[in-house]
Each structure stands twice: as C-alpha cells, then as structure tokens.
Amino acid sequence: MLVLLAALAAIEGLGLLAYAVFDLVEAVRVGITGPAEVSNPAALAGLIAITSGFGAAMVWVAFGWWRCRSWARSPFVVAQLVLGLIGYEISQSNEGGLRLIGQVAMVVAVTGIVLVFLPSARRSLSD
C-alpha cells in the first residue's frame, strides 16, 4: 500500500517539476504573455519557484512513503486537498480538455486520501 502512495506522490511531484520546466522553456521560447498583473518577470519567477518547491516537496514525501515514515501522511493529505480544490476549479472550465484535466485531478486526489486512510496503510506505518 505504501508503494502505491509513494508512486502517487512521486508522479505528482515529478509532474509539478515538469510543469515548472515547461513554464521556464515557454518563457524563453515565446516570452511572457498574458495579463500584465500576472505576466511579468517577478510573477513568472514566483510561479516557477513555488511549483518547483511543491514538486520537490512531493518527491520528498514519496521517499518518506517509500521508507515507511509516518510523517509523510500529513503533507500528503494536505497536497491531496489542494489538488482536489485546484481540480475542482479547473473542472468548471468551458473548455473540454481543461474540464477533463480537472476531473482527473479530483479523482487522483480522492484516491490518494482514501489510500492514506485504509487500514492496511495505517498498519504498515505502525509496524
């Protein structure tokens, strides 16, 4: 069970890191585009730093799950709650592709929370 949780956390973390790299590459390739309030060098740097930080934290949580550390539960649950809320917001989009991404994010978040609280996961952490 903890292997599944480690895999889920690693996939989420690597996805966030890949998104940070994508934002950086797109900024270099195309430039900073969009509304002036959120499309400036400081906002882009902040987005990349935050996304990279959360991605690295999720990879760290994945190692915690892999090594059967009980501390991994709290940050993982918080991350799933945030993912579920972001997924909900994205699922409200009028664009079909974005709506699907939001729905998938909500399913992943709920799956992660359910897996954390299964008796087999709790038992593995207490051993």
N, C-alpha and C. Protein backbone atom coordinates (compact mmCIF):
# COMPACT_ATOMS: atom_id res chain seq x y z
N MET A 1 0.82 -1.19 0.00
CA MET A 1 0.00 0.00 0.00
C MET A 1 0.86 1.26 0.00
N LEU A 2 1.93 1.25 0.80
CA LEU A 2 2.79 2.42 0.86
C LEU A 2 3.53 2.64 -0.46
N VAL A 3 3.74 1.56 -1.20
CA VAL A 3 4.38 1.69 -2.52
C VAL A 3 3.45 2.47 -3.46
N LEU A 4 2.16 2.20 -3.40
CA LEU A 4 1.20 2.96 -4.22
C LEU A 4 1.20 4.44 -3.83
N LEU A 5 1.23 4.70 -2.55
CA LEU A 5 1.26 6.08 -2.08
C LEU A 5 2.55 6.77 -2.52
N ALA A 6 3.67 6.05 -2.44
CA ALA A 6 4.95 6.61 -2.88
C ALA A 6 4.90 6.91 -4.38
N ALA A 7 4.33 6.00 -5.15
CA ALA A 7 4.24 6.22 -6.60
C ALA A 7 3.35 7.42 -6.92
N LEU A 8 2.23 7.52 -6.23
CA LEU A 8 1.31 8.63 -6.46
C LEU A 8 1.99 9.97 -6.12
N ALA A 9 2.67 10.02 -4.98
CA ALA A 9 3.36 11.25 -4.58
C ALA A 9 4.49 11.58 -5.56
N ALA A 10 5.21 10.57 -6.01
CA ALA A 10 6.31 10.81 -6.96
C ALA A 10 5.78 11.32 -8.29
N ILE A 11 4.69 10.75 -8.77
CA ILE A 11 4.11 11.20 -10.04
C ILE A 11 3.63 12.65 -9.91
N GLU A 12 2.99 12.98 -8.81
CA GLU A 12 2.54 14.35 -8.61
C GLU A 12 3.72 15.30 -8.54
N GLY A 13 4.75 14.92 -7.79
CA GLY A 13 5.94 15.77 -7.65
C GLY A 13 6.66 15.97 -8.96
N LEU A 14 6.86 14.88 -9.70
CA LEU A 14 7.53 14.99 -10.99
C LEU A 14 6.70 15.79 -11.98
N GLY A 15 5.39 15.67 -11.90
CA GLY A 15 4.51 16.47 -12.75
C GLY A 15 4.66 17.96 -12.47
N LEU A 16 4.74 18.31 -11.19
CA LEU A 16 4.92 19.72 -10.84
C LEU A 16 6.28 20.24 -11.30
N LEU A 17 7.31 19.42 -11.13
CA LEU A 17 8.64 19.83 -11.59
C LEU A 17 8.66 19.99 -13.12
N ALA A 18 8.00 19.08 -13.82
CA ALA A 18 7.93 19.17 -15.28
C ALA A 18 7.17 20.43 -15.69
N TYR A 19 6.12 20.78 -14.97
CA TYR A 19 5.37 22.00 -15.28
C TYR A 19 6.23 23.24 -15.07
N ALA A 20 7.06 23.25 -14.03
CA ALA A 20 7.95 24.39 -13.79
C ALA A 20 8.95 24.52 -14.94
N VAL A 21 9.50 23.40 -15.39
CA VAL A 21 10.43 23.44 -16.52
C VAL A 21 9.70 23.91 -17.78
N PHE A 22 8.48 23.43 -17.99
CA PHE A 22 7.68 23.86 -19.15
C PHE A 22 7.48 25.37 -19.13
N ASP A 23 7.11 25.92 -17.98
CA ASP A 23 6.91 27.37 -17.89
C ASP A 23 8.18 28.13 -18.21
N LEU A 24 9.30 27.64 -17.73
CA LEU A 24 10.58 28.29 -17.99
C LEU A 24 10.92 28.23 -19.48
N VAL A 25 10.76 27.08 -20.09
CA VAL A 25 11.06 26.92 -21.51
C VAL A 25 10.13 27.79 -22.36
N GLU A 26 8.86 27.80 -22.02
CA GLU A 26 7.91 28.63 -22.78
C GLU A 26 8.23 30.12 -22.64
N ALA A 27 8.66 30.55 -21.47
CA ALA A 27 9.01 31.96 -21.28
C ALA A 27 10.22 32.33 -22.13
N VAL A 28 11.16 31.42 -22.23
CA VAL A 28 12.34 31.69 -23.05
C VAL A 28 11.98 31.62 -24.53
N ARG A 29 11.17 30.64 -24.89
CA ARG A 29 10.84 30.41 -26.30
C ARG A 29 9.87 31.45 -26.86
N VAL A 30 8.79 31.72 -26.13
CA VAL A 30 7.73 32.59 -26.63
C VAL A 30 7.76 33.97 -25.98
N GLY A 31 8.24 34.02 -24.76
CA GLY A 31 8.19 35.26 -23.99
C GLY A 31 7.08 35.19 -22.97
N ILE A 32 7.00 36.21 -22.15
CA ILE A 32 5.98 36.25 -21.11
C ILE A 32 4.72 36.87 -21.72
N THR A 33 3.64 36.12 -21.70
CA THR A 33 2.38 36.58 -22.31
C THR A 33 1.26 36.53 -21.30
N GLY A 34 0.20 37.26 -21.58
CA GLY A 34 -0.97 37.24 -20.73
C GLY A 34 -1.22 38.59 -20.09
N PRO A 35 -2.17 38.63 -19.14
CA PRO A 35 -2.48 39.90 -18.45
C PRO A 35 -1.26 40.44 -17.71
N ALA A 36 -1.11 41.74 -17.70
CA ALA A 36 0.06 42.38 -17.10
C ALA A 36 0.22 42.07 -15.62
N GLU A 37 -0.91 41.87 -14.91
CA GLU A 37 -0.83 41.62 -13.46
C GLU A 37 -0.10 40.32 -13.13
N VAL A 38 -0.21 39.34 -14.01
CA VAL A 38 0.39 38.02 -13.73
C VAL A 38 1.46 37.65 -14.73
N SER A 39 1.72 38.48 -15.71
CA SER A 39 2.70 38.16 -16.73
C SER A 39 3.84 39.15 -16.73
N ASN A 40 4.65 39.03 -15.72
CA ASN A 40 5.85 39.84 -15.62
C ASN A 40 6.96 38.95 -15.07
N PRO A 41 8.20 39.38 -15.16
CA PRO A 41 9.29 38.51 -14.72
C PRO A 41 9.18 38.07 -13.25
N ALA A 42 8.74 38.95 -12.39
CA ALA A 42 8.62 38.57 -10.97
C ALA A 42 7.54 37.51 -10.76
N ALA A 43 6.41 37.66 -11.44
CA ALA A 43 5.33 36.68 -11.31
C ALA A 43 5.75 35.33 -11.87
N LEU A 44 6.44 35.34 -13.01
CA LEU A 44 6.91 34.09 -13.60
C LEU A 44 7.93 33.41 -12.69
N ALA A 45 8.85 34.19 -12.15
CA ALA A 45 9.85 33.62 -11.24
C ALA A 45 9.17 33.04 -10.00
N GLY A 46 8.17 33.74 -9.49
CA GLY A 46 7.44 33.23 -8.33
C GLY A 46 6.70 31.95 -8.64
N LEU A 47 6.05 31.90 -9.80
CA LEU A 47 5.33 30.69 -10.20
C LEU A 47 6.28 29.51 -10.34
N ILE A 48 7.41 29.73 -10.99
CA ILE A 48 8.38 28.65 -11.17
C ILE A 48 8.96 28.20 -9.83
N ALA A 49 9.25 29.15 -8.95
CA ALA A 49 9.80 28.79 -7.63
C ALA A 49 8.79 28.01 -6.80
N ILE A 50 7.55 28.46 -6.79
CA ILE A 50 6.52 27.78 -5.99
C ILE A 50 6.23 26.39 -6.55
N THR A 51 6.09 26.30 -7.86
CA THR A 51 5.81 25.00 -8.48
C THR A 51 6.96 24.04 -8.25
N SER A 52 8.20 24.52 -8.40
CA SER A 52 9.37 23.67 -8.16
C SER A 52 9.45 23.25 -6.70
N GLY A 53 9.16 24.17 -5.80
CA GLY A 53 9.20 23.85 -4.37
C GLY A 53 8.18 22.78 -3.99
N PHE A 54 6.95 22.94 -4.48
CA PHE A 54 5.93 21.94 -4.20
C PHE A 54 6.27 20.60 -4.85
N GLY A 55 6.83 20.64 -6.05
CA GLY A 55 7.23 19.40 -6.73
C GLY A 55 8.32 18.67 -5.95
N ALA A 56 9.33 19.42 -5.52
CA ALA A 56 10.40 18.81 -4.73
C ALA A 56 9.87 18.26 -3.41
N ALA A 57 8.94 18.99 -2.80
CA ALA A 57 8.35 18.52 -1.54
C ALA A 57 7.58 17.22 -1.74
N MET A 58 6.86 17.10 -2.86
CA MET A 58 6.12 15.86 -3.11
C MET A 58 7.06 14.68 -3.39
N VAL A 59 8.17 14.95 -4.05
CA VAL A 59 9.17 13.88 -4.24
C VAL A 59 9.74 13.47 -2.88
N TRP A 60 9.97 14.42 -2.01
CA TRP A 60 10.45 14.13 -0.66
C TRP A 60 9.42 13.30 0.11
N VAL A 61 8.15 13.64 -0.04
CA VAL A 61 7.07 12.86 0.59
C VAL A 61 7.05 11.43 0.02
N ALA A 62 7.28 11.31 -1.28
CA ALA A 62 7.33 9.98 -1.90
C ALA A 62 8.43 9.13 -1.27
N PHE A 63 9.60 9.74 -1.03
CA PHE A 63 10.67 8.99 -0.35
C PHE A 63 10.25 8.63 1.07
N GLY A 64 9.51 9.50 1.73
CA GLY A 64 9.00 9.18 3.06
C GLY A 64 8.07 7.99 3.04
N TRP A 65 7.16 7.94 2.07
CA TRP A 65 6.27 6.79 1.95
C TRP A 65 7.09 5.53 1.66
N TRP A 66 8.07 5.65 0.75
CA TRP A 66 8.89 4.50 0.37
C TRP A 66 9.63 3.92 1.57
N ARG A 67 10.05 4.80 2.47
CA ARG A 67 10.79 4.36 3.65
C ARG A 67 9.89 4.13 4.87
N CYS A 68 8.58 4.10 4.64
CA CYS A 68 7.58 3.81 5.69
C CYS A 68 7.63 4.81 6.83
N ARG A 69 7.73 6.06 6.52
CA ARG A 69 7.77 7.11 7.54
C ARG A 69 6.37 7.68 7.75
N SER A 70 5.95 7.74 8.98
CA SER A 70 4.60 8.22 9.27
C SER A 70 4.45 9.71 9.04
N TRP A 71 5.53 10.48 9.07
CA TRP A 71 5.44 11.91 8.84
C TRP A 71 4.94 12.25 7.43
N ALA A 72 5.03 11.30 6.50
CA ALA A 72 4.63 11.57 5.12
C ALA A 72 3.12 11.75 4.98
N ARG A 73 2.37 11.26 5.94
CA ARG A 73 0.91 11.31 5.84
C ARG A 73 0.37 12.74 5.80
N SER A 74 0.77 13.57 6.73
CA SER A 74 0.19 14.93 6.82
C SER A 74 0.45 15.77 5.58
N PRO A 75 1.70 15.91 5.11
CA PRO A 75 1.88 16.73 3.91
C PRO A 75 1.21 16.12 2.69
N PHE A 76 1.12 14.80 2.64
CA PHE A 76 0.45 14.15 1.51
C PHE A 76 -1.04 14.48 1.50
N VAL A 77 -1.67 14.40 2.65
CA VAL A 77 -3.11 14.71 2.73
C VAL A 77 -3.36 16.17 2.37
N VAL A 78 -2.53 17.07 2.86
CA VAL A 78 -2.69 18.49 2.53
C VAL A 78 -2.54 18.69 1.02
N ALA A 79 -1.55 18.03 0.44
CA ALA A 79 -1.34 18.16 -1.01
C ALA A 79 -2.54 17.62 -1.79
N GLN A 80 -3.15 16.55 -1.31
CA GLN A 80 -4.31 16.00 -2.00
C GLN A 80 -5.50 16.93 -1.88
N LEU A 81 -5.66 17.57 -0.74
CA LEU A 81 -6.74 18.54 -0.57
C LEU A 81 -6.56 19.72 -1.53
N VAL A 82 -5.32 20.21 -1.63
CA VAL A 82 -5.03 21.31 -2.55
C VAL A 82 -5.27 20.86 -3.99
N LEU A 83 -4.80 19.67 -4.34
CA LEU A 83 -5.01 19.15 -5.70
C LEU A 83 -6.50 19.01 -6.01
N GLY A 84 -7.26 18.53 -5.05
CA GLY A 84 -8.70 18.40 -5.26
C GLY A 84 -9.38 19.74 -5.48
N LEU A 85 -8.99 20.75 -4.72
CA LEU A 85 -9.57 22.09 -4.89
C LEU A 85 -9.18 22.70 -6.23
N ILE A 86 -7.92 22.54 -6.61
CA ILE A 86 -7.49 23.05 -7.91
C ILE A 86 -8.20 22.30 -9.03
N GLY A 87 -8.31 20.98 -8.87
CA GLY A 87 -9.02 20.18 -9.86
C GLY A 87 -10.47 20.61 -10.00
N TYR A 88 -11.10 20.93 -8.89
CA TYR A 88 -12.50 21.39 -8.94
C TYR A 88 -12.60 22.69 -9.73
N GLU A 89 -11.71 23.62 -9.44
CA GLU A 89 -11.74 24.91 -10.15
C GLU A 89 -11.52 24.71 -11.65
N ILE A 90 -10.56 23.86 -12.00
CA ILE A 90 -10.27 23.62 -13.42
C ILE A 90 -11.44 22.90 -14.08
N SER A 91 -12.12 22.02 -13.35
CA SER A 91 -13.23 21.27 -13.93
C SER A 91 -14.44 22.16 -14.24
N GLN A 92 -14.45 23.36 -13.75
CA GLN A 92 -15.54 24.29 -14.03
C GLN A 92 -15.34 25.04 -15.35
N SER A 93 -14.24 24.75 -16.04
CA SER A 93 -13.92 25.42 -17.30
C SER A 93 -14.93 25.05 -18.39
N ASN A 94 -15.09 25.94 -19.35
CA ASN A 94 -15.95 25.67 -20.50
C ASN A 94 -15.23 24.85 -21.56
N GLU A 95 -13.90 24.79 -21.47
CA GLU A 95 -13.10 24.04 -22.44
C GLU A 95 -13.05 22.57 -22.03
N GLY A 96 -13.39 21.69 -22.96
CA GLY A 96 -13.50 20.26 -22.66
C GLY A 96 -12.22 19.63 -22.14
N GLY A 97 -11.07 20.00 -22.73
CA GLY A 97 -9.80 19.42 -22.31
C GLY A 97 -9.45 19.81 -20.88
N LEU A 98 -9.64 21.08 -20.56
CA LEU A 98 -9.37 21.54 -19.20
C LEU A 98 -10.33 20.89 -18.21
N ARG A 99 -11.57 20.76 -18.60
CA ARG A 99 -12.56 20.13 -17.72
C ARG A 99 -12.13 18.70 -17.38
N LEU A 100 -11.66 17.97 -18.37
CA LEU A 100 -11.20 16.60 -18.15
C LEU A 100 -9.99 16.56 -17.23
N ILE A 101 -9.05 17.47 -17.42
CA ILE A 101 -7.87 17.53 -16.55
C ILE A 101 -8.29 17.79 -15.11
N GLY A 102 -9.23 18.69 -14.90
CA GLY A 102 -9.72 18.97 -13.56
C GLY A 102 -10.39 17.77 -12.93
N GLN A 103 -11.18 17.06 -13.71
CA GLN A 103 -11.85 15.87 -13.19
C GLN A 103 -10.85 14.78 -12.83
N VAL A 104 -9.84 14.59 -13.65
CA VAL A 104 -8.80 13.61 -13.36
C VAL A 104 -8.06 13.99 -12.08
N ALA A 105 -7.75 15.28 -11.93
CA ALA A 105 -7.07 15.75 -10.72
C ALA A 105 -7.90 15.46 -9.47
N MET A 106 -9.22 15.67 -9.56
CA MET A 106 -10.08 15.39 -8.40
C MET A 106 -10.10 13.89 -8.09
N VAL A 107 -10.14 13.05 -9.10
CA VAL A 107 -10.14 11.60 -8.88
C VAL A 107 -8.83 11.17 -8.23
N VAL A 108 -7.71 11.71 -8.72
CA VAL A 108 -6.40 11.36 -8.14
C VAL A 108 -6.35 11.80 -6.68
N ALA A 109 -6.84 12.99 -6.39
CA ALA A 109 -6.81 13.50 -5.02
C ALA A 109 -7.65 12.64 -4.08
N VAL A 110 -8.85 12.30 -4.50
CA VAL A 110 -9.72 11.47 -3.66
C VAL A 110 -9.10 10.08 -3.48
N THR A 111 -8.54 9.53 -4.54
CA THR A 111 -7.88 8.22 -4.45
C THR A 111 -6.74 8.27 -3.44
N GLY A 112 -5.94 9.31 -3.50
CA GLY A 112 -4.83 9.45 -2.55
C GLY A 112 -5.31 9.52 -1.11
N ILE A 113 -6.35 10.28 -0.87
CA ILE A 113 -6.87 10.41 0.50
C ILE A 113 -7.44 9.08 0.99
N VAL A 114 -8.15 8.37 0.12
CA VAL A 114 -8.71 7.07 0.50
C VAL A 114 -7.58 6.09 0.82
N LEU A 115 -6.54 6.06 -0.01
CA LEU A 115 -5.43 5.14 0.22
C LEU A 115 -4.71 5.42 1.54
N VAL A 116 -4.56 6.70 1.88
CA VAL A 116 -3.87 7.06 3.12
C VAL A 116 -4.57 6.49 4.35
N PHE A 117 -5.90 6.49 4.31
CA PHE A 117 -6.65 6.10 5.50
C PHE A 117 -7.14 4.66 5.48
N LEU A 118 -6.71 3.88 4.51
CA LEU A 118 -7.03 2.46 4.53
C LEU A 118 -6.34 1.79 5.71
N PRO A 119 -6.97 0.83 6.33
CA PRO A 119 -6.35 0.15 7.47
C PRO A 119 -4.99 -0.46 7.15
N SER A 120 -4.82 -0.96 5.94
CA SER A 120 -3.54 -1.58 5.59
C SER A 120 -2.41 -0.55 5.57
N ALA A 121 -2.70 0.67 5.14
CA ALA A 121 -1.69 1.73 5.14
C ALA A 121 -1.36 2.14 6.58
N ARG A 122 -2.38 2.29 7.39
CA ARG A 122 -2.14 2.67 8.79
C ARG A 122 -1.36 1.57 9.51
N ARG A 123 -1.69 0.32 9.21
CA ARG A 123 -0.97 -0.79 9.83
C ARG A 123 0.48 -0.82 9.39
N SER A 124 0.75 -0.55 8.13
CA SER A 124 2.13 -0.54 7.63
C SER A 124 2.96 0.55 8.31
N LEU A 125 2.35 1.68 8.59
CA LEU A 125 3.06 2.76 9.24
C LEU A 125 3.32 2.49 10.72
N SER A 126 2.46 1.72 11.33
CA SER A 126 2.63 1.45 12.76
C SER A 126 3.61 0.31 13.04
N ASP A 127 3.91 -0.49 12.03
CA ASP A 127 4.85 -1.61 12.22
C ASP A 127 6.28 -1.14 12.37
